[in-house]
């Protein structure tokens, strides 16, 4: 059932989209994350091979099971999950889906008001996060994108945005 992890490997071509190689995969993921981060003043993320391996393990597990859920054994890394019809989406669409959560966030007082609705986006832009690694795995009818983040974001009672230092006029 598992067709292999594709982070830092290749995203296989389907009849509706071209193949994406390892370098393109990383470039696309980083470009979308870093575009969103730049828009809110967060420093760019760096690619982590270790996070990509960890994400690949979980993406393969999701693709081989019938359950779509976060990795309960993961206590050290942030995690974003995406699932969609196999061959139906480009990588840009997968990652940009998380970024689109900024729209409902604009109407909230805090990301914690409905973090299930905006938590993928806040993890993407979390100012304290410095690294990301992702993997894509294909199951029988679905694809699973998993991104892992270090340090993790979405820490309760903290802001996802960069803390601004106020300089005294004295």
C-alpha atoms as a PDB file:
ATOM      1  CA  UNK A   1       0.000   0.000   0.000  1.00  0.00           C
ATOM      2  CA  UNK A   2       2.841   2.422   0.722  1.00  0.00           C
ATOM      3  CA  UNK A   3       4.500   3.751  -2.381  1.00  0.00           C
ATOM      4  CA  UNK A   4       7.456   5.249  -0.572  1.00  0.00           C
ATOM      5  CA  UNK A   5       8.402   8.428   1.166  1.00  0.00           C
ATOM      6  CA  UNK A   6       9.078  11.232  -1.192  1.00  0.00           C
ATOM      7  CA  UNK A   7      10.591  13.980   0.914  1.00  0.00           C
ATOM      8  CA  UNK A   8      14.088  14.533  -0.153  1.00  0.00           C
ATOM      9  CA  UNK A   9      13.291  11.993  -2.844  1.00  0.00           C
ATOM     10  CA  UNK A  10      11.001  12.646  -5.769  1.00  0.00           C
ATOM     11  CA  UNK A  11       7.346  13.367  -6.063  1.00  0.00           C
ATOM     12  CA  UNK A  12       6.249  10.954  -8.747  1.00  0.00           C
ATOM     13  CA  UNK A  13       4.488  12.232 -11.799  1.00  0.00           C
ATOM     14  CA  UNK A  14       0.819  11.584 -12.314  1.00  0.00           C
ATOM     15  CA  UNK A  15      -1.150  12.113 -15.466  1.00  0.00           C
ATOM     16  CA  UNK A  16      -2.088  15.616 -14.282  1.00  0.00           C
ATOM     17  CA  UNK A  17       1.197  17.026 -13.019  1.00  0.00           C
ATOM     18  CA  UNK A  18       4.925  16.852 -13.694  1.00  0.00           C
ATOM     19  CA  UNK A  19       7.445  15.109 -11.483  1.00  0.00           C
ATOM     20  CA  UNK A  20       9.198  17.133  -8.787  1.00  0.00           C
ATOM     21  CA  UNK A  21      12.729  16.132  -7.825  1.00  0.00           C
ATOM     22  CA  UNK A  22      14.295  16.353  -4.369  1.00  0.00           C
ATOM     23  CA  UNK A  23      15.744  19.827  -4.803  1.00  0.00           C
ATOM     24  CA  UNK A  24      12.488  21.164  -6.262  1.00  0.00           C
ATOM     25  CA  UNK A  25      10.515  19.607  -3.397  1.00  0.00           C
ATOM     26  CA  UNK A  26      12.658  21.402  -0.816  1.00  0.00           C
ATOM     27  CA  UNK A  27      12.671  24.653  -2.794  1.00  0.00           C
ATOM     28  CA  UNK A  28       8.878  24.712  -3.104  1.00  0.00           C
ATOM     29  CA  UNK A  29       8.267  23.912   0.562  1.00  0.00           C
ATOM     30  CA  UNK A  30      10.810  26.477   1.765  1.00  0.00           C
ATOM     31  CA  UNK A  31       9.666  29.168  -0.669  1.00  0.00           C
ATOM     32  CA  UNK A  32       6.053  29.023   0.479  1.00  0.00           C
ATOM     33  CA  UNK A  33       6.940  28.850   4.164  1.00  0.00           C
ATOM     34  CA  UNK A  34       9.479  31.670   3.885  1.00  0.00           C
ATOM     35  CA  UNK A  35       7.155  33.904   1.842  1.00  0.00           C
ATOM     36  CA  UNK A  36       4.552  33.625   4.611  1.00  0.00           C
ATOM     37  CA  UNK A  37       7.176  34.155   7.311  1.00  0.00           C
ATOM     38  CA  UNK A  38       8.595  37.254   5.604  1.00  0.00           C
ATOM     39  CA  UNK A  39       5.114  38.773   5.452  1.00  0.00           C
ATOM     40  CA  UNK A  40       4.900  38.732   9.273  1.00  0.00           C
ATOM     41  CA  UNK A  41       8.549  39.483  10.084  1.00  0.00           C
ATOM     42  CA  UNK A  42       9.705  35.950  10.942  1.00  0.00           C
ATOM     43  CA  UNK A  43      13.174  34.806   9.893  1.00  0.00           C
ATOM     44  CA  UNK A  44      13.433  32.263   7.055  1.00  0.00           C
ATOM     45  CA  UNK A  45      13.380  28.554   7.838  1.00  0.00           C
ATOM     46  CA  UNK A  46      16.207  26.180   6.936  1.00  0.00           C
ATOM     47  CA  UNK A  47      15.726  22.642   5.601  1.00  0.00           C
ATOM     48  CA  UNK A  48      16.480  19.829   8.057  1.00  0.00           C
ATOM     49  CA  UNK A  49      17.245  16.345   6.734  1.00  0.00           C
ATOM     50  CA  UNK A  50      16.512  14.922  10.200  1.00  0.00           C
ATOM     51  CA  UNK A  51      13.057  16.519  10.308  1.00  0.00           C
ATOM     52  CA  UNK A  52      12.413  15.275   6.760  1.00  0.00           C
ATOM     53  CA  UNK A  53      13.304  11.705   7.847  1.00  0.00           C
ATOM     54  CA  UNK A  54      11.009  11.981  10.868  1.00  0.00           C
ATOM     55  CA  UNK A  55       8.237  13.363   8.665  1.00  0.00           C
ATOM     56  CA  UNK A  56       8.835  10.550   6.159  1.00  0.00           C
ATOM     57  CA  UNK A  57       8.399   7.896   8.796  1.00  0.00           C
ATOM     58  CA  UNK A  58       5.016   9.337   9.793  1.00  0.00           C
ATOM     59  CA  UNK A  59       3.907  10.013   6.197  1.00  0.00           C
ATOM     60  CA  UNK A  60       4.563   6.355   5.363  1.00  0.00           C
ATOM     61  CA  UNK A  61       2.614   5.247   8.443  1.00  0.00           C
ATOM     62  CA  UNK A  62      -0.351   7.380   7.400  1.00  0.00           C
ATOM     63  CA  UNK A  63      -0.234   6.092   3.830  1.00  0.00           C
ATOM     64  CA  UNK A  64      -0.255   2.478   5.014  1.00  0.00           C
ATOM     65  CA  UNK A  65      -3.126   2.918   7.465  1.00  0.00           C
ATOM     66  CA  UNK A  66      -6.701   4.094   7.314  1.00  0.00           C
ATOM     67  CA  UNK A  67      -6.246   6.619  10.136  1.00  0.00           C
ATOM     68  CA  UNK A  68      -5.339  10.275   9.582  1.00  0.00           C
ATOM     69  CA  UNK A  69      -3.965  11.753  12.795  1.00  0.00           C
ATOM     70  CA  UNK A  70      -0.969  13.439  14.358  1.00  0.00           C
ATOM     71  CA  UNK A  71       1.891  11.279  15.639  1.00  0.00           C
ATOM     72  CA  UNK A  72       1.101  10.834  19.348  1.00  0.00           C
ATOM     73  CA  UNK A  73       4.666   9.667  20.039  1.00  0.00           C
ATOM     74  CA  UNK A  74       6.110  12.932  18.684  1.00  0.00           C
ATOM     75  CA  UNK A  75       6.733  15.213  21.634  1.00  0.00           C
ATOM     76  CA  UNK A  76       9.689  17.248  20.343  1.00  0.00           C
ATOM     77  CA  UNK A  77       8.736  18.544  16.903  1.00  0.00           C
ATOM     78  CA  UNK A  78       5.904  20.646  15.525  1.00  0.00           C
ATOM     79  CA  UNK A  79       3.845  18.878  12.894  1.00  0.00           C
ATOM     80  CA  UNK A  80       1.560  19.851  10.021  1.00  0.00           C
ATOM     81  CA  UNK A  81      -0.432  17.205   8.156  1.00  0.00           C
ATOM     82  CA  UNK A  82      -2.168  17.297   4.797  1.00  0.00           C
ATOM     83  CA  UNK A  83      -4.160  14.592   3.000  1.00  0.00           C
ATOM     84  CA  UNK A  84      -5.729  14.677  -0.439  1.00  0.00           C
ATOM     85  CA  UNK A  85      -6.742  12.569  -3.402  1.00  0.00           C
ATOM     86  CA  UNK A  86      -3.731  10.899  -4.953  1.00  0.00           C
ATOM     87  CA  UNK A  87      -2.571  12.818  -8.022  1.00  0.00           C
ATOM     88  CA  UNK A  88      -5.141  15.551  -7.521  1.00  0.00           C
ATOM     89  CA  UNK A  89      -2.940  18.286  -6.069  1.00  0.00           C
ATOM     90  CA  UNK A  90       0.353  19.972  -6.775  1.00  0.00           C
ATOM     91  CA  UNK A  91       2.809  20.404  -3.893  1.00  0.00           C
ATOM     92  CA  UNK A  92       2.237  24.170  -4.032  1.00  0.00           C
ATOM     93  CA  UNK A  93      -1.474  23.627  -3.425  1.00  0.00           C
ATOM     94  CA  UNK A  94      -0.828  21.341  -0.464  1.00  0.00           C
ATOM     95  CA  UNK A  95       1.448  23.779   1.378  1.00  0.00           C
ATOM     96  CA  UNK A  96      -0.543  26.850   0.334  1.00  0.00           C
ATOM     97  CA  UNK A  97      -3.633  25.299   1.912  1.00  0.00           C
ATOM     98  CA  UNK A  98      -1.996  25.764   5.296  1.00  0.00           C
ATOM     99  CA  UNK A  99      -1.039  29.340   4.414  1.00  0.00           C
ATOM    100  CA  UNK A 100      -4.671  30.129   3.568  1.00  0.00           C
ATOM    101  CA  UNK A 101      -5.515  29.774   7.255  1.00  0.00           C
ATOM    102  CA  UNK A 102      -4.234  33.337   7.700  1.00  0.00           C
ATOM    103  CA  UNK A 103      -7.596  34.561   6.400  1.00  0.00           C
ATOM    104  CA  UNK A 104      -9.697  33.381   9.372  1.00  0.00           C
ATOM    105  CA  UNK A 105      -6.840  34.283  11.725  1.00  0.00           C
ATOM    106  CA  UNK A 106      -7.270  37.961  10.782  1.00  0.00           C
ATOM    107  CA  UNK A 107     -10.750  37.935  12.337  1.00  0.00           C
ATOM    108  CA  UNK A 108      -9.600  36.403  15.649  1.00  0.00           C
ATOM    109  CA  UNK A 109      -8.332  38.103  18.778  1.00  0.00           C
ATOM    110  CA  UNK A 110      -5.819  35.283  19.246  1.00  0.00           C
ATOM    111  CA  UNK A 111      -4.738  32.188  17.333  1.00  0.00           C
ATOM    112  CA  UNK A 112      -5.822  30.227  20.406  1.00  0.00           C
ATOM    113  CA  UNK A 113      -9.477  31.194  19.858  1.00  0.00           C
ATOM    114  CA  UNK A 114      -9.740  28.433  17.228  1.00  0.00           C
ATOM    115  CA  UNK A 115      -6.304  26.880  16.787  1.00  0.00           C
ATOM    116  CA  UNK A 116      -7.770  23.892  14.920  1.00  0.00           C
ATOM    117  CA  UNK A 117      -8.696  26.323  12.157  1.00  0.00           C
ATOM    118  CA  UNK A 118      -5.443  28.309  12.026  1.00  0.00           C
ATOM    119  CA  UNK A 119      -2.792  26.136  13.691  1.00  0.00           C
ATOM    120  CA  UNK A 120      -1.146  24.950  10.468  1.00  0.00           C
ATOM    121  CA  UNK A 121      -0.542  28.547   9.445  1.00  0.00           C
ATOM    122  CA  UNK A 122       0.684  29.667  12.870  1.00  0.00           C
ATOM    123  CA  UNK A 123       3.134  26.754  12.907  1.00  0.00           C
ATOM    124  CA  UNK A 124       4.423  27.853   9.490  1.00  0.00           C
ATOM    125  CA  UNK A 125       5.083  31.417  10.670  1.00  0.00           C
ATOM    126  CA  UNK A 126       5.988  30.756  14.330  1.00  0.00           C
ATOM    127  CA  UNK A 127       8.833  33.193  14.986  1.00  0.00           C
ATOM    128  CA  UNK A 128      10.819  30.833  17.211  1.00  0.00           C
ATOM    129  CA  UNK A 129      10.847  27.997  14.668  1.00  0.00           C
ATOM    130  CA  UNK A 130      14.088  27.767  12.677  1.00  0.00           C
ATOM    131  CA  UNK A 131      13.922  24.490  10.703  1.00  0.00           C
ATOM    132  CA  UNK A 132      11.488  22.450   8.659  1.00  0.00           C
ATOM    133  CA  UNK A 133      11.617  19.065   6.975  1.00  0.00           C
ATOM    134  CA  UNK A 134       8.784  17.469   5.019  1.00  0.00           C
ATOM    135  CA  UNK A 135       7.827  14.231   3.331  1.00  0.00           C
ATOM    136  CA  UNK A 136       5.162  13.107   0.917  1.00  0.00           C
ATOM    137  CA  UNK A 137       3.909   9.542   0.823  1.00  0.00           C
ATOM    138  CA  UNK A 138       1.311   7.939  -1.418  1.00  0.00           C
ATOM    139  CA  UNK A 139      -1.276   5.434  -0.318  1.00  0.00           C
ATOM    140  CA  UNK A 140      -3.777   3.596  -2.458  1.00  0.00           C
ATOM    141  CA  UNK A 141      -6.062   6.564  -3.074  1.00  0.00           C
ATOM    142  CA  UNK A 142      -4.526   9.410  -1.087  1.00  0.00           C
ATOM    143  CA  UNK A 143      -1.320  11.371  -0.636  1.00  0.00           C
ATOM    144  CA  UNK A 144      -0.031  12.466   2.755  1.00  0.00           C
ATOM    145  CA  UNK A 145       2.221  15.465   3.296  1.00  0.00           C
ATOM    146  CA  UNK A 146       3.855  15.742   6.695  1.00  0.00           C
ATOM    147  CA  UNK A 147       6.030  18.668   7.750  1.00  0.00           C
ATOM    148  CA  UNK A 148       7.977  18.708  10.989  1.00  0.00           C
ATOM    149  CA  UNK A 149       9.263  21.861  12.692  1.00  0.00           C
ATOM    150  CA  UNK A 150      12.007  22.648  15.219  1.00  0.00           C
ATOM    151  CA  UNK A 151      11.567  24.160  17.653  1.00  0.00           C
ATOM    152  CA  UNK A 152       7.831  23.501  17.611  1.00  0.00           C
ATOM    153  CA  UNK A 153       5.374  26.377  17.529  1.00  0.00           C
ATOM    154  CA  UNK A 154       1.803  26.774  18.703  1.00  0.00           C
ATOM    155  CA  UNK A 155       2.861  27.130  22.316  1.00  0.00           C
ATOM    156  CA  UNK A 156      -0.139  28.112  24.408  1.00  0.00           C
ATOM    157  CA  UNK A 157      -0.127  31.654  25.801  1.00  0.00           C
ATOM    158  CA  UNK A 158       2.615  32.724  23.381  1.00  0.00           C
ATOM    159  CA  UNK A 159       2.400  34.741  20.203  1.00  0.00           C
ATOM    160  CA  UNK A 160       3.428  33.284  16.844  1.00  0.00           C
ATOM    161  CA  UNK A 161       4.916  36.640  15.874  1.00  0.00           C
ATOM    162  CA  UNK A 162       8.342  38.100  16.486  1.00  0.00           C
ATOM    163  CA  UNK A 163       8.580  39.955  19.747  1.00  0.00           C
ATOM    164  CA  UNK A 164       9.372  43.582  19.035  1.00  0.00           C
ATOM    165  CA  UNK A 165      11.728  45.364  21.372  1.00  0.00           C
ATOM    166  CA  UNK A 166      10.704  48.852  22.357  1.00  0.00           C
ATOM    167  CA  UNK A 167      13.680  51.194  22.522  1.00  0.00           C
ATOM    168  CA  UNK A 168      13.543  53.882  25.171  1.00  0.00           C
ATOM    169  CA  UNK A 169      13.987  57.485  24.043  1.00  0.00           C
ATOM    170  CA  UNK A 170      16.247  58.217  27.022  1.00  0.00           C
END
